[in-house]
Amino acid sequence: MPSAANHPHECTVFFLPGLGLDAASAGAIAAAADPRLRVVGIDLLDRGRAASVDDLADTALERIAAEADGGPFLVCGHSLGGKVAARVMSRVLAGTERVFGLAGAVLLAPSPPTPEPMPDDKRAEMLATAHGEHLSQEDAAAFVSANVATPLPAEVNEAAIDAVVRQPASAWRDWLTAGSLEDATSLVGVLDLPVVVLAGDADEALGAAAQPELIADVYPRARVERMPGVGHLLPYEAPERVAAVLADTWDAIRAAAPVVPAEWGRVIASSRVDVAVRRTLAHRAIADDRDRAPRSLNRAQVETLRALAAVLVPQGEGGTIDLATRIDDMLADGGTDGWRPLGSPADPIAYARGLDAIAAVWPTEVAEQRSLIVTLITDGIDADGLGADGIRAWFEDARNDLLRMWLAHPASLARIGFDGFAVGGTGKRPEGWATIAAGERETWEPSELGQTVVEDAA
């Protein structure tokens, strides 16, 4: 697989293969991948063990940390690799790993965090083939044949069989008797990030018909795509389609969120950053779900808040933070600043009343919108339950909230050149600065901070 050093890219895809397969099973996907994506296959079973999901996650995370460049990445897990992917993503988002940049996932017929749905007779049949050091050529051929909807081209079929033969039979035994039966739901929790699940309609246990129920509690934002005429071995049966979905997924994420520069991602992943801080920044970097139902405000109020945010906190070109959705979450979670002017209603009520009043007079022209904002700051407008003074006070809070939400995003911290979050760390003593001077930086700081900007005298 190409390395970061010789492959210019926007996003890395870490591929976690299914049972019996290895990093080479990502080969056809990598060959068909959009040039903006770097596909890195990871061998999960080459150590000969698959006793638990965390064992396999350890292997995956060790190699992800070695290959990650600090920029955004997607996880692509197939079958067994899908179950491991859930645990990998939960650990990355927990901030406990020295990794940053998780943006989403594309899962291929994934085994769920719950025990994998496999009939006892099928499990016994597979175990019977895994009694030696490796599966025989005949048993490997039978496994491949049983897991595709139609026969693979000869060269592809041979590659798949060879991959199965290469894998240690001990890992098969571990997975079939332990790993696949593990219920990892409490370890994984809910993963609220962009996810696409691809599954064949000829895959009985982990196919398109089964996946919605299997993933519903783990991936609230997942979209399941049914693949007609495809069985279980998607990396061999439909690599071009997988590659296309990876590109589409990255495009959607890139359009919906600002990208944290790779140098800044490497700082966040470093030992200088506390686990709790890394966890917070990892969650804040995830693209917002603009289609989800509001939790505190109603949809019309959220749209009005989005319109206000576009004028008050313009974010420039490219993906943007959905500040309105984040404020709605803040209100629902009770995460406001904890104070309000005497006589003002609670923040959720004040937001609802203020936004309703603004919606009633919100103009379509930008110049008029700015004029209305000036009026809101200086004179206020009539608002039921608030009054002119009340809406001025609420609007001051709202402006502050919008700016705080923007500034809290790691891409915004990079944009203003603030790396003060990297002075804690996981060691015995907090790490700080040794050098503080204009135009100078320490070796760990992003290189842009070492440049002195000279204003043009004109």
Protein backbone atom coordinates (compact mmCIF):
# COMPACT_ATOMS: atom_id res chain seq x y z
CA MET A 1 0.00 0.00 0.00
CA PRO A 2 1.26 3.53 -0.74
CA SER A 3 2.62 5.53 2.18
CA ALA A 4 1.80 9.09 3.14
CA ALA A 5 5.25 10.23 2.03
CA ASN A 6 4.79 9.44 -1.66
CA HIS A 7 1.03 9.81 -2.08
CA PRO A 8 -0.47 13.31 -1.96
CA HIS A 9 -3.94 12.99 -0.54
CA GLU A 10 -6.75 14.70 1.34
CA CYS A 11 -7.89 11.78 3.46
CA THR A 12 -6.58 8.35 4.51
CA VAL A 13 -8.75 5.22 4.49
CA PHE A 14 -7.74 2.54 6.99
CA PHE A 15 -9.05 -0.80 5.76
CA LEU A 16 -9.75 -3.53 8.33
CA PRO A 17 -10.31 -6.88 6.58
CA GLY A 18 -12.73 -9.65 7.37
CA LEU A 19 -12.10 -13.14 8.70
CA GLY A 20 -9.68 -15.05 6.49
CA LEU A 21 -8.52 -11.94 4.66
CA ASP A 22 -5.57 -9.60 5.07
CA ALA A 23 -4.32 -6.18 3.99
CA ALA A 24 -4.02 -7.41 0.40
CA SER A 25 -7.82 -7.64 0.16
CA ALA A 26 -7.84 -3.84 0.00
CA GLY A 27 -5.74 -3.94 -3.17
CA ALA A 28 -8.53 -3.68 -5.71
CA ILE A 29 -10.25 -0.95 -3.67
CA ALA A 30 -6.98 1.01 -3.50
CA ALA A 31 -6.48 0.61 -7.25
CA ALA A 32 -9.95 2.01 -7.94
CA ALA A 33 -9.81 4.71 -5.26
CA ASP A 34 -10.13 8.42 -5.93
CA PRO A 35 -6.60 9.93 -6.08
CA ARG A 36 -7.49 12.15 -3.12
CA LEU A 37 -7.78 9.06 -0.91
CA ARG A 38 -4.86 7.04 0.41
CA VAL A 39 -5.95 3.47 1.19
CA VAL A 40 -3.96 1.64 3.86
CA GLY A 41 -4.73 -2.03 4.43
CA ILE A 42 -4.12 -3.45 7.90
CA ASP A 43 -3.43 -7.08 8.77
CA LEU A 44 -5.53 -7.91 11.81
CA LEU A 45 -4.92 -11.65 12.10
CA ASP A 46 -1.25 -12.05 11.23
CA ARG A 47 -0.39 -12.47 14.91
CA GLY A 48 -2.47 -15.61 14.95
CA ARG A 49 -4.99 -14.50 17.55
CA ALA A 50 -8.47 -13.03 17.56
CA ALA A 51 -9.57 -13.82 21.09
CA SER A 52 -11.31 -10.50 21.71
CA VAL A 53 -12.41 -7.38 19.91
CA ASP A 54 -9.99 -5.30 21.99
CA ASP A 55 -7.08 -7.57 21.01
CA LEU A 56 -7.81 -6.86 17.38
CA ALA A 57 -8.45 -3.18 18.08
CA ASP A 58 -5.02 -3.01 19.72
CA THR A 59 -3.46 -4.32 16.52
CA ALA A 60 -5.45 -1.94 14.33
CA LEU A 61 -4.75 1.12 16.46
CA GLU A 62 -1.03 0.38 16.65
CA ARG A 63 -0.85 0.40 12.87
CA ILE A 64 -3.21 3.33 12.43
CA ALA A 65 -1.05 5.39 14.79
CA ALA A 66 2.04 4.43 12.78
CA GLU A 67 0.47 5.37 9.43
CA ALA A 68 -1.70 8.36 10.41
CA ASP A 69 -0.42 11.75 9.26
CA GLY A 70 -2.61 13.91 11.49
CA GLY A 71 -5.08 14.62 8.70
CA PRO A 72 -8.64 13.30 8.39
CA PHE A 73 -9.24 9.59 7.99
CA LEU A 74 -12.07 7.15 7.35
CA VAL A 75 -12.30 3.62 8.71
CA CYS A 76 -13.42 0.94 6.26
CA GLY A 77 -14.18 -2.33 8.03
CA HIS A 78 -15.27 -5.54 6.32
CA SER A 79 -17.11 -8.31 8.22
CA LEU A 80 -14.92 -9.09 11.28
CA GLY A 81 -13.17 -5.81 10.51
CA GLY A 82 -16.49 -4.02 10.92
CA LYS A 83 -16.83 -5.21 14.49
CA VAL A 84 -13.25 -4.17 15.17
CA ALA A 85 -13.86 -0.82 13.45
CA ALA A 86 -16.59 0.04 15.96
CA ARG A 87 -14.21 -0.51 18.86
CA VAL A 88 -11.38 1.34 17.11
CA MET A 89 -13.61 4.36 16.51
CA SER A 90 -14.94 4.36 20.08
CA ARG A 91 -11.39 4.38 21.44
CA VAL A 92 -10.26 7.15 19.09
CA LEU A 93 -13.25 9.28 20.07
CA ALA A 94 -12.56 8.57 23.75
CA GLY A 95 -9.23 10.37 23.33
CA THR A 96 -7.25 7.53 24.89
CA GLU A 97 -5.33 6.78 21.67
CA ARG A 98 -2.51 8.86 20.23
CA VAL A 99 -4.55 9.32 17.05
CA PHE A 100 -6.63 12.22 15.74
CA GLY A 101 -8.64 12.86 12.57
CA LEU A 102 -11.48 10.31 12.55
CA ALA A 103 -14.10 11.70 10.16
CA GLY A 104 -16.44 8.77 9.44
CA ALA A 105 -16.68 5.19 8.23
CA VAL A 106 -17.69 2.98 5.34
CA LEU A 107 -18.51 -0.50 6.61
CA LEU A 108 -18.80 -3.56 4.36
CA ALA A 109 -21.21 -6.23 5.59
CA PRO A 110 -19.95 -5.47 9.12
CA SER A 111 -20.17 -7.87 12.00
CA PRO A 112 -22.06 -5.95 14.71
CA PRO A 113 -20.80 -5.14 18.22
CA THR A 114 -23.39 -7.65 19.44
CA PRO A 115 -22.68 -11.39 19.00
CA GLU A 116 -22.49 -12.13 15.28
CA PRO A 117 -25.63 -13.83 13.95
CA MET A 118 -24.28 -17.18 12.75
CA PRO A 119 -26.16 -20.51 12.85
CA ASP A 120 -24.53 -23.12 15.09
CA ASP A 121 -24.13 -25.58 12.24
CA LYS A 122 -22.34 -22.96 10.11
CA ARG A 123 -20.02 -22.12 13.01
CA ALA A 124 -19.24 -25.81 13.53
CA GLU A 125 -18.61 -26.29 9.82
CA MET A 126 -16.13 -23.40 9.74
CA LEU A 127 -14.37 -24.63 12.88
CA ALA A 128 -13.94 -28.04 11.32
CA THR A 129 -11.86 -26.51 8.51
CA ALA A 130 -9.60 -24.63 10.96
CA HIS A 131 -8.03 -27.57 12.80
CA GLY A 132 -4.43 -27.22 11.59
CA GLU A 133 -2.03 -24.30 11.19
CA HIS A 134 -3.78 -23.01 8.07
CA LEU A 135 -6.88 -23.86 6.08
CA SER A 136 -6.29 -26.18 3.18
CA GLN A 137 -6.48 -24.92 -0.39
CA GLU A 138 -9.70 -26.88 -0.85
CA ASP A 139 -11.35 -25.51 2.29
CA ALA A 140 -10.27 -21.98 1.41
CA ALA A 141 -11.75 -22.35 -2.07
CA ALA A 142 -15.00 -23.62 -0.55
CA PHE A 143 -15.11 -20.63 1.84
CA VAL A 144 -14.67 -18.14 -0.99
CA SER A 145 -17.25 -19.89 -3.16
CA ALA A 146 -19.81 -19.95 -0.34
CA ASN A 147 -19.43 -16.23 0.33
CA VAL A 148 -19.84 -14.75 -3.16
CA ALA A 149 -23.04 -14.34 -5.13
CA THR A 150 -21.46 -15.30 -8.45
CA PRO A 151 -18.07 -16.86 -9.22
CA LEU A 152 -15.18 -14.42 -9.19
CA PRO A 153 -12.88 -13.99 -12.20
CA ALA A 154 -10.13 -16.61 -12.06
CA GLU A 155 -7.32 -14.26 -11.07
CA VAL A 156 -9.43 -12.55 -8.37
CA ASN A 157 -10.68 -15.90 -7.09
CA GLU A 158 -7.12 -17.18 -6.78
CA ALA A 159 -6.07 -14.07 -4.86
CA ALA A 160 -8.97 -14.47 -2.43
CA ILE A 161 -8.16 -18.15 -1.85
CA ASP A 162 -4.51 -17.36 -1.28
CA ALA A 163 -5.45 -14.72 1.30
CA VAL A 164 -7.59 -17.24 3.19
CA VAL A 165 -4.82 -19.84 3.16
CA ARG A 166 -2.29 -17.32 4.49
CA GLN A 167 -4.27 -16.57 7.63
CA PRO A 168 -3.40 -18.59 10.77
CA ALA A 169 -6.10 -21.12 11.59
CA SER A 170 -5.68 -20.23 15.26
CA ALA A 171 -7.15 -16.79 14.55
CA TRP A 172 -10.14 -18.46 12.89
CA ARG A 173 -10.66 -20.63 15.97
CA ASP A 174 -10.36 -17.64 18.32
CA TRP A 175 -12.84 -15.61 16.34
CA LEU A 176 -15.40 -18.38 15.92
CA THR A 177 -15.30 -19.45 19.58
CA ALA A 178 -14.75 -16.08 21.29
CA GLY A 179 -14.43 -12.85 19.28
CA SER A 180 -17.54 -13.23 17.15
CA LEU A 181 -19.58 -14.20 20.23
CA GLU A 182 -18.45 -11.18 22.26
CA ASP A 183 -21.00 -8.52 23.08
CA ALA A 184 -18.99 -5.30 22.79
CA THR A 185 -21.94 -2.91 22.88
CA SER A 186 -21.01 -1.50 26.31
CA LEU A 187 -17.45 -0.90 25.07
CA VAL A 188 -18.54 0.75 21.84
CA GLY A 189 -21.55 2.80 22.93
CA VAL A 190 -23.19 5.10 20.39
CA LEU A 191 -21.02 6.37 17.53
CA ASP A 192 -22.64 9.55 16.26
CA LEU A 193 -20.66 10.19 13.09
CA PRO A 194 -21.16 9.82 9.31
CA VAL A 195 -21.38 6.13 8.39
CA VAL A 196 -22.34 4.28 5.21
CA VAL A 197 -22.97 0.53 5.36
CA LEU A 198 -22.69 -1.49 2.15
CA ALA A 199 -24.18 -4.97 2.14
CA GLY A 200 -25.07 -7.50 -0.51
CA ASP A 201 -28.56 -8.88 -0.96
CA ALA A 202 -27.09 -12.38 -1.39
CA ASP A 203 -25.41 -12.29 2.04
CA GLU A 204 -27.70 -14.15 4.43
CA ALA A 205 -26.32 -13.35 7.89
CA LEU A 206 -24.75 -9.91 7.41
CA GLY A 207 -26.50 -8.73 4.27
CA ALA A 208 -28.65 -5.75 3.38
CA ALA A 209 -31.79 -7.19 4.96
CA ALA A 210 -30.10 -7.79 8.33
CA GLN A 211 -27.93 -4.67 8.67
CA PRO A 212 -30.50 -1.99 9.62
CA GLU A 213 -31.46 -3.85 12.78
CA LEU A 214 -27.87 -4.85 13.58
CA ILE A 215 -26.46 -1.31 13.45
CA ALA A 216 -29.40 0.85 14.59
CA ASP A 217 -28.34 1.24 18.23
CA VAL A 218 -24.68 1.95 17.42
CA TYR A 219 -24.72 4.22 14.36
CA PRO A 220 -27.64 6.68 14.53
CA ARG A 221 -26.46 8.45 11.37
CA ALA A 222 -25.80 5.34 9.28
CA ARG A 223 -27.19 4.85 5.79
CA VAL A 224 -27.46 1.27 4.51
CA GLU A 225 -26.92 0.75 0.80
CA ARG A 226 -28.18 -2.50 -0.68
CA MET A 227 -25.97 -4.11 -3.32
CA PRO A 228 -27.91 -6.41 -5.68
CA GLY A 229 -26.12 -9.52 -6.87
CA VAL A 230 -23.39 -9.27 -4.26
CA GLY A 231 -22.55 -11.71 -1.48
CA HIS A 232 -20.30 -11.27 1.54
CA LEU A 233 -16.86 -10.68 -0.01
CA LEU A 234 -17.39 -7.07 -1.11
CA PRO A 235 -13.67 -6.22 -1.43
CA TYR A 236 -13.42 -8.85 -4.18
CA GLU A 237 -16.94 -8.71 -5.62
CA ALA A 238 -17.46 -4.95 -5.85
CA PRO A 239 -14.22 -3.00 -5.22
CA GLU A 240 -15.10 -0.24 -7.69
CA ARG A 241 -18.40 0.42 -5.94
CA VAL A 242 -16.70 0.44 -2.54
CA ALA A 243 -14.13 2.92 -3.87
CA ALA A 244 -16.89 5.15 -5.27
CA VAL A 245 -18.76 5.17 -1.95
CA LEU A 246 -15.55 6.03 -0.11
CA ALA A 247 -15.09 9.04 -2.40
CA ASP A 248 -18.75 10.09 -2.05
CA THR A 249 -18.54 9.78 1.73
CA TRP A 250 -15.41 11.90 1.86
CA ASP A 251 -17.00 14.51 -0.44
CA ALA A 252 -20.05 14.75 1.83
CA ILE A 253 -17.91 15.09 4.95
CA ARG A 254 -15.57 17.61 3.31
CA ALA A 255 -18.54 19.75 2.28
CA ALA A 256 -20.09 19.59 5.76
CA ALA A 257 -17.15 20.39 8.03
CA PRO A 258 -13.87 22.33 8.06
CA VAL A 259 -10.73 20.22 7.87
CA VAL A 260 -8.20 20.33 10.69
CA PRO A 261 -4.74 20.75 9.09
CA ALA A 262 -2.52 17.69 9.44
CA GLU A 263 0.17 19.49 11.44
CA TRP A 264 -2.44 20.51 14.00
CA GLY A 265 -3.85 17.00 14.05
CA ARG A 266 -0.41 15.66 14.91
CA VAL A 267 -0.17 18.07 17.83
CA ILE A 268 -3.60 16.97 19.11
CA ALA A 269 -2.52 13.33 18.81
CA SER A 270 0.69 13.96 20.73
CA SER A 271 1.51 13.28 24.36
CA ARG A 272 1.32 17.01 25.03
CA VAL A 273 -2.49 16.87 24.93
CA ASP A 274 -4.56 15.55 27.81
CA VAL A 275 -6.92 12.64 27.11
CA ALA A 276 -10.01 14.68 28.03
CA VAL A 277 -8.93 17.52 25.74
CA ARG A 278 -8.22 15.13 22.86
CA ARG A 279 -11.61 13.50 23.40
CA THR A 280 -13.38 16.86 23.31
CA LEU A 281 -11.58 18.01 20.17
CA ALA A 282 -12.17 14.67 18.44
CA HIS A 283 -15.92 14.98 18.95
CA ARG A 284 -15.98 18.64 17.95
CA ALA A 285 -14.20 17.82 14.68
CA ILE A 286 -16.98 15.44 13.53
CA ALA A 287 -19.20 16.88 10.78
CA ASP A 288 -22.59 18.02 12.04
CA ASP A 289 -25.77 16.18 11.11
CA ARG A 290 -27.77 19.01 9.57
CA ASP A 291 -30.77 16.77 8.91
CA ARG A 292 -31.34 15.56 12.45
CA ALA A 293 -34.40 16.66 14.41
CA PRO A 294 -33.74 19.61 16.77
CA ARG A 295 -33.59 18.72 20.45
CA SER A 296 -34.54 22.05 22.06
CA LEU A 297 -35.59 24.51 19.37
CA ASN A 298 -37.93 23.75 16.49
CA ARG A 299 -36.83 23.46 12.85
CA ALA A 300 -37.90 26.99 11.93
CA GLN A 301 -35.97 28.43 14.88
CA VAL A 302 -32.86 26.46 13.92
CA GLU A 303 -33.09 27.82 10.36
CA THR A 304 -33.39 31.36 11.66
CA LEU A 305 -30.36 30.80 13.89
CA ARG A 306 -28.43 29.45 10.87
CA ALA A 307 -29.29 32.60 8.94
CA LEU A 308 -28.09 34.76 11.82
CA ALA A 309 -24.89 32.72 12.15
CA ALA A 310 -24.10 33.16 8.45
CA VAL A 311 -24.04 36.94 8.91
CA LEU A 312 -22.56 37.16 12.41
CA VAL A 313 -19.86 34.46 12.07
CA PRO A 314 -19.01 34.05 8.37
CA GLN A 315 -16.81 30.99 7.92
CA GLY A 316 -15.53 31.44 4.38
CA GLU A 317 -15.28 28.82 1.66
CA GLY A 318 -15.47 25.06 2.10
CA GLY A 319 -17.06 23.04 4.86
CA THR A 320 -18.53 24.95 7.77
CA ILE A 321 -19.55 24.25 11.33
CA ASP A 322 -23.31 24.10 11.84
CA LEU A 323 -23.31 26.54 14.74
CA ALA A 324 -27.11 26.45 15.03
CA THR A 325 -27.21 22.70 15.57
CA ARG A 326 -24.44 22.94 18.15
CA ILE A 327 -26.31 25.65 20.06
CA ASP A 328 -29.47 23.52 19.93
CA ASP A 329 -27.46 20.67 21.48
CA MET A 330 -26.04 23.05 24.08
CA LEU A 331 -29.54 24.17 25.06
CA ALA A 332 -30.82 20.59 25.23
CA ASP A 333 -27.86 19.53 27.38
CA GLY A 334 -28.03 22.52 29.70
CA GLY A 335 -24.56 23.64 28.71
CA THR A 336 -25.11 27.39 28.66
CA ASP A 337 -22.98 29.92 30.56
CA GLY A 338 -25.14 29.65 33.68
CA TRP A 339 -26.34 33.21 34.08
CA ARG A 340 -28.98 35.51 32.59
CA PRO A 341 -30.26 39.05 33.24
CA LEU A 342 -32.72 39.50 36.10
CA GLY A 343 -36.23 38.73 34.93
CA SER A 344 -35.17 36.94 31.73
CA PRO A 345 -36.54 33.45 31.04
CA ALA A 346 -34.34 30.36 30.93
CA ASP A 347 -32.04 30.19 27.91
CA PRO A 348 -34.08 27.69 25.85
CA ILE A 349 -37.18 29.85 26.25
CA ALA A 350 -35.28 33.07 25.53
CA TYR A 351 -33.78 31.55 22.38
CA ALA A 352 -37.16 30.35 21.14
CA ARG A 353 -38.85 33.71 21.73
CA GLY A 354 -35.98 35.73 20.34
CA LEU A 355 -35.67 33.64 17.18
CA ASP A 356 -39.45 33.73 16.59
CA ALA A 357 -39.38 37.52 16.81
CA ILE A 358 -36.45 37.77 14.41
CA ALA A 359 -38.04 35.34 11.95
CA ALA A 360 -41.11 37.56 11.73
CA VAL A 361 -39.04 40.50 10.42
CA TRP A 362 -36.00 38.78 8.86
CA PRO A 363 -35.28 40.34 5.42
CA THR A 364 -33.90 38.55 2.37
CA GLU A 365 -31.22 41.08 1.42
CA VAL A 366 -27.89 40.82 3.24
CA ALA A 367 -27.57 44.58 3.70
CA GLU A 368 -31.01 44.69 5.35
CA GLN A 369 -30.10 41.70 7.52
CA ARG A 370 -27.05 43.55 8.79
CA SER A 371 -29.17 46.62 9.45
CA LEU A 372 -31.61 44.52 11.48
CA ILE A 373 -28.71 43.08 13.49
CA VAL A 374 -27.58 46.61 14.35
CA THR A 375 -31.12 47.39 15.50
CA LEU A 376 -31.16 44.25 17.65
CA ILE A 377 -27.93 45.38 19.31
CA THR A 378 -28.88 49.02 19.83
CA ASP A 379 -32.67 49.38 20.17
CA GLY A 380 -34.05 45.85 20.18
CA ILE A 381 -37.33 44.81 18.61
CA ASP A 382 -40.65 43.71 20.01
CA ALA A 383 -40.58 40.12 21.18
CA ASP A 384 -43.35 38.34 23.09
CA GLY A 385 -42.21 37.55 26.61
CA LEU A 386 -38.91 39.41 26.26
CA GLY A 387 -39.50 43.04 25.39
CA ALA A 388 -36.92 45.30 23.72
CA ASP A 389 -34.52 45.21 26.67
CA GLY A 390 -34.91 41.46 27.00
CA ILE A 391 -34.16 40.71 23.36
CA ARG A 392 -31.09 42.96 23.43
CA ALA A 393 -29.77 41.05 26.45
CA TRP A 394 -30.59 37.68 24.87
CA PHE A 395 -29.01 38.72 21.56
CA GLU A 396 -25.77 39.60 23.34
CA ASP A 397 -25.72 36.09 24.80
CA ALA A 398 -26.57 34.56 21.43
CA ARG A 399 -23.71 36.37 19.68
CA ASN A 400 -21.33 35.17 22.36
CA ASP A 401 -22.63 31.60 22.06
CA LEU A 402 -22.19 31.60 18.28
CA LEU A 403 -18.62 32.81 18.54
CA ARG A 404 -17.81 30.31 21.31
CA MET A 405 -19.16 27.45 19.20
CA TRP A 406 -17.02 28.50 16.25
CA LEU A 407 -13.89 29.01 18.35
CA ALA A 408 -14.31 25.64 20.12
CA HIS A 409 -13.71 23.72 16.88
CA PRO A 410 -10.12 22.50 16.39
CA ALA A 411 -10.08 23.86 12.83
CA SER A 412 -10.90 27.30 14.25
CA LEU A 413 -8.10 27.01 16.81
CA ALA A 414 -5.75 26.25 13.92
CA ARG A 415 -7.15 29.14 11.93
CA ILE A 416 -6.33 31.67 14.65
CA GLY A 417 -3.03 29.95 15.51
CA PHE A 418 -3.88 28.96 19.09
CA ASP A 419 -2.13 25.86 20.41
CA GLY A 420 -2.53 26.55 24.12
CA PHE A 421 -4.50 23.32 24.49
CA ALA A 422 -1.22 21.40 24.11
CA VAL A 423 0.29 22.26 27.49
CA GLY A 424 -1.15 19.47 29.62
CA GLY A 425 -0.36 16.01 28.41
CA THR A 426 -0.57 12.52 29.77
CA GLY A 427 2.79 12.44 31.55
CA LYS A 428 3.50 12.95 35.24
CA ARG A 429 4.13 16.65 34.74
CA PRO A 430 2.23 19.07 32.46
CA GLU A 431 4.19 20.24 29.45
CA GLY A 432 4.50 23.92 28.69
CA TRP A 433 6.66 26.24 26.60
CA ALA A 434 10.39 26.88 26.85
CA THR A 435 10.33 29.65 24.23
CA ILE A 436 7.87 32.53 24.14
CA ALA A 437 8.78 35.21 21.63
CA ALA A 438 7.24 36.90 18.64
CA GLY A 439 7.85 35.00 15.43
CA GLU A 440 9.46 32.04 17.18
CA ARG A 441 8.08 28.59 17.81
CA GLU A 442 9.12 25.37 19.46
CA THR A 443 9.78 22.24 17.44
CA TRP A 444 6.46 20.66 18.40
CA GLU A 445 4.37 23.62 17.24
CA PRO A 446 2.84 23.85 13.73
CA SER A 447 5.35 25.40 11.34
CA GLU A 448 3.04 28.25 10.36
CA LEU A 449 3.43 29.68 13.87
CA GLY A 450 7.13 30.26 13.26
CA GLN A 451 6.57 32.74 10.48
CA THR A 452 6.63 36.45 11.16
CA VAL A 453 4.04 38.27 9.08
CA VAL A 454 5.19 41.66 7.82
CA GLU A 455 2.35 43.96 6.86
CA ASP A 456 2.68 45.83 3.57
CA ALA A 457 3.24 49.50 4.39
CA ALA A 458 0.80 50.47 1.67
